[in-house]
Each structure stands twice: as C-alpha cells, then as structure tokens.
Amino acid sequence: MSQAFVREEEGQWLHDVQPTLNALINFLTRENNGIRVYEKKNFLDPKTNRQVYSMSNGLDYAKDDEGKWYVV
C-alpha cells in the first residue's frame, strides 16, 4: 500500500480536532512529521474577543463559535 494512500485514509482535518490545546498540539505535531509543535504564546484578540494561540509552526489558531479550530 502506498504511503499516500495510507495518509489519505488516516487523514484528519483541523476543524475535526477536539477543541483542546493538547489535541491541537498532537494534531500539529503529526502534521509536522512528528516534530513537536508547541504553544509560543496566547492572547485575547480584541477584534473577535477570541483566545488566539501562536504556535511554534509560525501560525496562529483560534476556535470558532462551534468550538472548531481554524487558522487566524
């Protein structure tokens, strides 16, 4: 079985990740070929009033009204 086929079967989308920081870190680490991703800082976005998490992969993440993760 090809690697691409295995990856496609096991695939998970960001919006499917449980709404916990630990679940986000585990997901991002898997997506980063096992290289640990960690939280660098977090802050409250004054425009959206949402908690934003800046991660070591260079992206910021927050949860929408339904508790689903998205890239800010």
PDB file of N, CA and C in Angstrom:
ATOM      1  N   MET A   1       0.851  -1.178   0.000  1.00  0.00           N
ATOM      2  CA  MET A   1       0.000   0.000   0.000  1.00  0.00           C
ATOM      3  C   MET A   1       0.895   1.239   0.000  1.00  0.00           C
ATOM      4  N   SER A   2       0.567   2.160  -0.860  1.00  0.00           N
ATOM      5  CA  SER A   2       1.420   3.343  -0.971  1.00  0.00           C
ATOM      6  C   SER A   2       1.270   4.239   0.255  1.00  0.00           C
ATOM      7  N   GLN A   3       2.301   4.998   0.525  1.00  0.00           N
ATOM      8  CA  GLN A   3       2.308   5.924   1.662  1.00  0.00           C
ATOM      9  C   GLN A   3       1.198   6.964   1.518  1.00  0.00           C
ATOM     10  N   ALA A   4       0.975   7.446   0.302  1.00  0.00           N
ATOM     11  CA  ALA A   4      -0.061   8.453   0.067  1.00  0.00           C
ATOM     12  C   ALA A   4      -1.435   7.887   0.374  1.00  0.00           C
ATOM     13  N   PHE A   5      -1.653   6.639   0.024  1.00  0.00           N
ATOM     14  CA  PHE A   5      -2.949   6.016   0.289  1.00  0.00           C
ATOM     15  C   PHE A   5      -3.179   5.851   1.785  1.00  0.00           C
ATOM     16  N   VAL A   6      -2.158   5.442   2.512  1.00  0.00           N
ATOM     17  CA  VAL A   6      -2.268   5.298   3.970  1.00  0.00           C
ATOM     18  C   VAL A   6      -2.551   6.652   4.596  1.00  0.00           C
ATOM     19  N   ARG A   7      -1.853   7.657   4.177  1.00  0.00           N
ATOM     20  CA  ARG A   7      -2.009   9.004   4.719  1.00  0.00           C
ATOM     21  C   ARG A   7      -3.422   9.513   4.485  1.00  0.00           C
ATOM     22  N   GLU A   8      -3.953   9.249   3.303  1.00  0.00           N
ATOM     23  CA  GLU A   8      -5.285   9.718   2.964  1.00  0.00           C
ATOM     24  C   GLU A   8      -6.334   9.054   3.857  1.00  0.00           C
ATOM     25  N   GLU A   9      -6.164   7.776   4.137  1.00  0.00           N
ATOM     26  CA  GLU A   9      -7.112   7.060   4.986  1.00  0.00           C
ATOM     27  C   GLU A   9      -7.085   7.578   6.417  1.00  0.00           C
ATOM     28  N   GLU A  10      -5.904   7.904   6.915  1.00  0.00           N
ATOM     29  CA  GLU A  10      -5.751   8.327   8.299  1.00  0.00           C
ATOM     30  C   GLU A  10      -5.928   9.832   8.463  1.00  0.00           C
ATOM     31  N   GLY A  11      -6.167  10.532   7.375  1.00  0.00           N
ATOM     32  CA  GLY A  11      -6.223  11.988   7.392  1.00  0.00           C
ATOM     33  C   GLY A  11      -7.269  12.538   8.348  1.00  0.00           C
ATOM     34  N   GLN A  12      -6.946  13.656   8.912  1.00  0.00           N
ATOM     35  CA  GLN A  12      -7.846  14.377   9.805  1.00  0.00           C
ATOM     36  C   GLN A  12      -7.718  15.850   9.453  1.00  0.00           C
ATOM     37  N   TRP A  13      -8.809  16.551   9.484  1.00  0.00           N
ATOM     38  CA  TRP A  13      -8.812  17.968   9.176  1.00  0.00           C
ATOM     39  C   TRP A  13      -8.727  18.771  10.457  1.00  0.00           C
ATOM     40  N   LEU A  14      -8.185  19.963  10.361  1.00  0.00           N
ATOM     41  CA  LEU A  14      -8.041  20.840  11.520  1.00  0.00           C
ATOM     42  C   LEU A  14      -9.383  21.052  12.218  1.00  0.00           C
ATOM     43  N   HIS A  15     -10.439  21.262  11.453  1.00  0.00           N
ATOM     44  CA  HIS A  15     -11.740  21.519  12.066  1.00  0.00           C
ATOM     45  C   HIS A  15     -12.345  20.289  12.745  1.00  0.00           C
ATOM     46  N   ASP A  16     -11.741  19.102  12.528  1.00  0.00           N
ATOM     47  CA  ASP A  16     -12.200  17.877  13.185  1.00  0.00           C
ATOM     48  C   ASP A  16     -11.488  17.606  14.510  1.00  0.00           C
ATOM     49  N   VAL A  17     -10.460  18.383  14.814  1.00  0.00           N
ATOM     50  CA  VAL A  17      -9.674  18.182  16.035  1.00  0.00           C
ATOM     51  C   VAL A  17     -10.492  18.632  17.241  1.00  0.00           C
ATOM     52  N   GLN A  18     -10.413  17.870  18.320  1.00  0.00           N
ATOM     53  CA  GLN A  18     -11.126  18.240  19.544  1.00  0.00           C
ATOM     54  C   GLN A  18     -10.719  19.642  19.980  1.00  0.00           C
ATOM     55  N   PRO A  19     -11.630  20.372  20.625  1.00  0.00           N
ATOM     56  CA  PRO A  19     -11.355  21.774  20.972  1.00  0.00           C
ATOM     57  C   PRO A  19     -10.491  21.971  22.217  1.00  0.00           C
ATOM     58  N   THR A  20      -9.416  21.188  22.331  1.00  0.00           N
ATOM     59  CA  THR A  20      -8.486  21.367  23.443  1.00  0.00           C
ATOM     60  C   THR A  20      -7.110  21.697  22.868  1.00  0.00           C
ATOM     61  N   LEU A  21      -6.335  22.419  23.638  1.00  0.00           N
ATOM     62  CA  LEU A  21      -4.990  22.779  23.196  1.00  0.00           C
ATOM     63  C   LEU A  21      -4.129  21.534  23.015  1.00  0.00           C
ATOM     64  N   ASN A  22      -4.275  20.560  23.894  1.00  0.00           N
ATOM     65  CA  ASN A  22      -3.495  19.332  23.788  1.00  0.00           C
ATOM     66  C   ASN A  22      -3.813  18.591  22.488  1.00  0.00           C
ATOM     67  N   ALA A  23      -5.090  18.528  22.114  1.00  0.00           N
ATOM     68  CA  ALA A  23      -5.468  17.873  20.862  1.00  0.00           C
ATOM     69  C   ALA A  23      -4.894  18.633  19.670  1.00  0.00           C
ATOM     70  N   LEU A  24      -4.900  19.971  19.735  1.00  0.00           N
ATOM     71  CA  LEU A  24      -4.323  20.772  18.662  1.00  0.00           C
ATOM     72  C   LEU A  24      -2.830  20.504  18.539  1.00  0.00           C
ATOM     73  N   ILE A  25      -2.124  20.485  19.645  1.00  0.00           N
ATOM     74  CA  ILE A  25      -0.675  20.220  19.629  1.00  0.00           C
ATOM     75  C   ILE A  25      -0.387  18.846  19.041  1.00  0.00           C
ATOM     76  N   ASN A  26      -1.146  17.829  19.444  1.00  0.00           N
ATOM     77  CA  ASN A  26      -0.939  16.481  18.908  1.00  0.00           C
ATOM     78  C   ASN A  26      -1.187  16.447  17.407  1.00  0.00           C
ATOM     79  N   PHE A  27      -2.248  17.091  16.945  1.00  0.00           N
ATOM     80  CA  PHE A  27      -2.561  17.145  15.521  1.00  0.00           C
ATOM     81  C   PHE A  27      -1.446  17.848  14.739  1.00  0.00           C
ATOM     82  N   LEU A  28      -1.029  19.023  15.220  1.00  0.00           N
ATOM     83  CA  LEU A  28       0.006  19.780  14.515  1.00  0.00           C
ATOM     84  C   LEU A  28       1.332  19.035  14.494  1.00  0.00           C
ATOM     85  N   THR A  29       1.642  18.322  15.567  1.00  0.00           N
ATOM     86  CA  THR A  29       2.871  17.528  15.620  1.00  0.00           C
ATOM     87  C   THR A  29       2.818  16.405  14.590  1.00  0.00           C
ATOM     88  N   ARG A  30       1.677  15.721  14.476  1.00  0.00           N
ATOM     89  CA  ARG A  30       1.529  14.677  13.452  1.00  0.00           C
ATOM     90  C   ARG A  30       1.681  15.265  12.058  1.00  0.00           C
ATOM     91  N   GLU A  31       1.064  16.414  11.825  1.00  0.00           N
ATOM     92  CA  GLU A  31       1.130  17.060  10.515  1.00  0.00           C
ATOM     93  C   GLU A  31       2.539  17.575  10.207  1.00  0.00           C
ATOM     94  N   ASN A  32       3.351  17.759  11.227  1.00  0.00           N
ATOM     95  CA  ASN A  32       4.712  18.270  11.085  1.00  0.00           C
ATOM     96  C   ASN A  32       5.726  17.123  11.085  1.00  0.00           C
ATOM     97  N   ASN A  33       5.297  15.965  10.603  1.00  0.00           N
ATOM     98  CA  ASN A  33       6.150  14.767  10.508  1.00  0.00           C
ATOM     99  C   ASN A  33       6.760  14.369  11.841  1.00  0.00           C
ATOM    100  N   GLY A  34       5.991  14.547  12.916  1.00  0.00           N
ATOM    101  CA  GLY A  34       6.436  14.113  14.233  1.00  0.00           C
ATOM    102  C   GLY A  34       7.316  15.105  14.968  1.00  0.00           C
ATOM    103  N   ILE A  35       7.654  16.212  14.324  1.00  0.00           N
ATOM    104  CA  ILE A  35       8.457  17.238  15.001  1.00  0.00           C
ATOM    105  C   ILE A  35       7.521  18.037  15.889  1.00  0.00           C
ATOM    106  N   ARG A  36       7.830  18.071  17.170  1.00  0.00           N
ATOM    107  CA  ARG A  36       6.952  18.659  18.179  1.00  0.00           C
ATOM    108  C   ARG A  36       6.610  20.119  17.870  1.00  0.00           C
ATOM    109  N   VAL A  37       5.322  20.427  17.902  1.00  0.00           N
ATOM    110  CA  VAL A  37       4.823  21.795  17.786  1.00  0.00           C
ATOM    111  C   VAL A  37       4.346  22.185  19.176  1.00  0.00           C
ATOM    112  N   TYR A  38       4.658  23.390  19.589  1.00  0.00           N
ATOM    113  CA  TYR A  38       4.285  23.821  20.936  1.00  0.00           C
ATOM    114  C   TYR A  38       3.716  25.235  20.897  1.00  0.00           C
ATOM    115  N   GLU A  39       3.047  25.602  21.961  1.00  0.00           N
ATOM    116  CA  GLU A  39       2.471  26.938  22.091  1.00  0.00           C
ATOM    117  C   GLU A  39       3.572  27.926  22.461  1.00  0.00           C
ATOM    118  N   LYS A  40       3.699  28.989  21.688  1.00  0.00           N
ATOM    119  CA  LYS A  40       4.682  30.025  22.000  1.00  0.00           C
ATOM    120  C   LYS A  40       4.068  31.094  22.894  1.00  0.00           C
ATOM    121  N   LYS A  41       2.827  31.471  22.606  1.00  0.00           N
ATOM    122  CA  LYS A  41       2.122  32.446  23.428  1.00  0.00           C
ATOM    123  C   LYS A  41       0.644  32.372  23.091  1.00  0.00           C
ATOM    124  N   ASN A  42      -0.169  32.987  23.934  1.00  0.00           N
ATOM    125  CA  ASN A  42      -1.580  33.120  23.616  1.00  0.00           C
ATOM    126  C   ASN A  42      -2.040  34.491  24.059  1.00  0.00           C
ATOM    127  N   PHE A  43      -3.083  34.976  23.417  1.00  0.00           N
ATOM    128  CA  PHE A  43      -3.596  36.308  23.728  1.00  0.00           C
ATOM    129  C   PHE A  43      -5.055  36.394  23.316  1.00  0.00           C
ATOM    130  N   LEU A  44      -5.740  37.366  23.847  1.00  0.00           N
ATOM    131  CA  LEU A  44      -7.128  37.614  23.504  1.00  0.00           C
ATOM    132  C   LEU A  44      -7.162  38.619  22.361  1.00  0.00           C
ATOM    133  N   ASP A  45      -7.758  38.225  21.248  1.00  0.00           N
ATOM    134  CA  ASP A  45      -7.870  39.114  20.092  1.00  0.00           C
ATOM    135  C   ASP A  45      -8.955  40.153  20.377  1.00  0.00           C
ATOM    136  N   PRO A  46      -8.599  41.435  20.421  1.00  0.00           N
ATOM    137  CA  PRO A  46      -9.581  42.467  20.767  1.00  0.00           C
ATOM    138  C   PRO A  46     -10.703  42.620  19.736  1.00  0.00           C
ATOM    139  N   LYS A  47     -10.429  42.265  18.476  1.00  0.00           N
ATOM    140  CA  LYS A  47     -11.454  42.392  17.437  1.00  0.00           C
ATOM    141  C   LYS A  47     -12.514  41.297  17.537  1.00  0.00           C
ATOM    142  N   THR A  48     -12.077  40.069  17.782  1.00  0.00           N
ATOM    143  CA  THR A  48     -13.006  38.935  17.804  1.00  0.00           C
ATOM    144  C   THR A  48     -13.342  38.472  19.216  1.00  0.00           C
ATOM    145  N   ASN A  49     -12.587  38.948  20.200  1.00  0.00           N
ATOM    146  CA  ASN A  49     -12.742  38.526  21.588  1.00  0.00           C
ATOM    147  C   ASN A  49     -12.543  37.012  21.746  1.00  0.00           C
ATOM    148  N   ARG A  50     -11.644  36.462  20.936  1.00  0.00           N
ATOM    149  CA  ARG A  50     -11.326  35.034  20.992  1.00  0.00           C
ATOM    150  C   ARG A  50      -9.891  34.846  21.467  1.00  0.00           C
ATOM    151  N   GLN A  51      -9.672  33.738  22.144  1.00  0.00           N
ATOM    152  CA  GLN A  51      -8.325  33.367  22.556  1.00  0.00           C
ATOM    153  C   GLN A  51      -7.577  32.882  21.324  1.00  0.00           C
ATOM    154  N   VAL A  52      -6.404  33.434  21.062  1.00  0.00           N
ATOM    155  CA  VAL A  52      -5.579  33.060  19.913  1.00  0.00           C
ATOM    156  C   VAL A  52      -4.296  32.421  20.441  1.00  0.00           C
ATOM    157  N   TYR A  53      -3.922  31.312  19.823  1.00  0.00           N
ATOM    158  CA  TYR A  53      -2.732  30.574  20.230  1.00  0.00           C
ATOM    159  C   TYR A  53      -1.696  30.664  19.118  1.00  0.00           C
ATOM    160  N   SER A  54      -0.538  31.257  19.423  1.00  0.00           N
ATOM    161  CA  SER A  54       0.580  31.321  18.481  1.00  0.00           C
ATOM    162  C   SER A  54       1.431  30.085  18.712  1.00  0.00           C
ATOM    163  N   MET A  55       1.600  29.304  17.650  1.00  0.00           N
ATOM    164  CA  MET A  55       2.294  28.036  17.777  1.00  0.00           C
ATOM    165  C   MET A  55       3.680  28.108  17.137  1.00  0.00           C
ATOM    166  N   SER A  56       4.516  27.157  17.482  1.00  0.00           N
ATOM    167  CA  SER A  56       5.897  27.154  17.003  1.00  0.00           C
ATOM    168  C   SER A  56       6.012  26.890  15.506  1.00  0.00           C
ATOM    169  N   ASN A  57       4.927  26.496  14.857  1.00  0.00           N
ATOM    170  CA  ASN A  57       4.966  26.289  13.410  1.00  0.00           C
ATOM    171  C   ASN A  57       4.758  27.599  12.650  1.00  0.00           C
ATOM    172  N   GLY A  58       4.626  28.710  13.383  1.00  0.00           N
ATOM    173  CA  GLY A  58       4.519  30.019  12.757  1.00  0.00           C
ATOM    174  C   GLY A  58       3.099  30.478  12.472  1.00  0.00           C
ATOM    175  N   LEU A  59       2.111  29.677  12.841  1.00  0.00           N
ATOM    176  CA  LEU A  59       0.722  30.032  12.593  1.00  0.00           C
ATOM    177  C   LEU A  59      -0.016  30.296  13.901  1.00  0.00           C
ATOM    178  N   ASP A  60      -1.103  31.058  13.798  1.00  0.00           N
ATOM    179  CA  ASP A  60      -1.969  31.336  14.942  1.00  0.00           C
ATOM    180  C   ASP A  60      -3.277  30.596  14.747  1.00  0.00           C
ATOM    181  N   TYR A  61      -3.818  30.064  15.839  1.00  0.00           N
ATOM    182  CA  TYR A  61      -5.043  29.272  15.797  1.00  0.00           C
ATOM    183  C   TYR A  61      -6.028  29.802  16.829  1.00  0.00           C
ATOM    184  N   ALA A  62      -7.313  29.675  16.503  1.00  0.00           N
ATOM    185  CA  ALA A  62      -8.384  30.045  17.428  1.00  0.00           C
ATOM    186  C   ALA A  62      -9.549  29.097  17.172  1.00  0.00           C
ATOM    187  N   LYS A  63     -10.565  29.173  18.031  1.00  0.00           N
ATOM    188  CA  LYS A  63     -11.765  28.355  17.870  1.00  0.00           C
ATOM    189  C   LYS A  63     -12.929  29.246  17.457  1.00  0.00           C
ATOM    190  N   ASP A  64     -13.764  28.725  16.570  1.00  0.00           N
ATOM    191  CA  ASP A  64     -14.941  29.472  16.136  1.00  0.00           C
ATOM    192  C   ASP A  64     -16.079  29.300  17.141  1.00  0.00           C
ATOM    193  N   ASP A  65     -17.258  29.789  16.807  1.00  0.00           N
ATOM    194  CA  ASP A  65     -18.404  29.715  17.706  1.00  0.00           C
ATOM    195  C   ASP A  65     -18.831  28.283  18.019  1.00  0.00           C
ATOM    196  N   GLU A  66     -18.486  27.355  17.147  1.00  0.00           N
ATOM    197  CA  GLU A  66     -18.834  25.947  17.341  1.00  0.00           C
ATOM    198  C   GLU A  66     -17.719  25.176  18.037  1.00  0.00           C
ATOM    199  N   GLY A  67     -16.629  25.860  18.411  1.00  0.00           N
ATOM    200  CA  GLY A  67     -15.516  25.196  19.089  1.00  0.00           C
ATOM    201  C   GLY A  67     -14.577  24.487  18.137  1.00  0.00           C
ATOM    202  N   LYS A  68     -14.632  24.800  16.852  1.00  0.00           N
ATOM    203  CA  LYS A  68     -13.757  24.169  15.867  1.00  0.00           C
ATOM    204  C   LYS A  68     -12.549  25.069  15.618  1.00  0.00           C
ATOM    205  N   TRP A  69     -11.376  24.427  15.517  1.00  0.00           N
ATOM    206  CA  TRP A  69     -10.131  25.167  15.305  1.00  0.00           C
ATOM    207  C   TRP A  69     -10.073  25.731  13.892  1.00  0.00           C
ATOM    208  N   TYR A  70      -9.460  26.896  13.760  1.00  0.00           N
ATOM    209  CA  TYR A  70      -9.168  27.481  12.452  1.00  0.00           C
ATOM    210  C   TYR A  70      -7.896  28.298  12.548  1.00  0.00           C
ATOM    211  N   VAL A  71      -7.258  28.523  11.393  1.00  0.00           N
ATOM    212  CA  VAL A  71      -6.048  29.329  11.315  1.00  0.00           C
ATOM    213  C   VAL A  71      -6.465  30.785  11.240  1.00  0.00           C
ATOM    214  N   VAL A  72      -5.878  31.607  12.114  1.00  0.00           N
ATOM    215  CA  VAL A  72      -6.218  33.035  12.157  1.00  0.00           C
ATOM    216  C   VAL A  72      -5.526  33.749  11.022  1.00  0.00           C
TER     217      VAL A  72
END
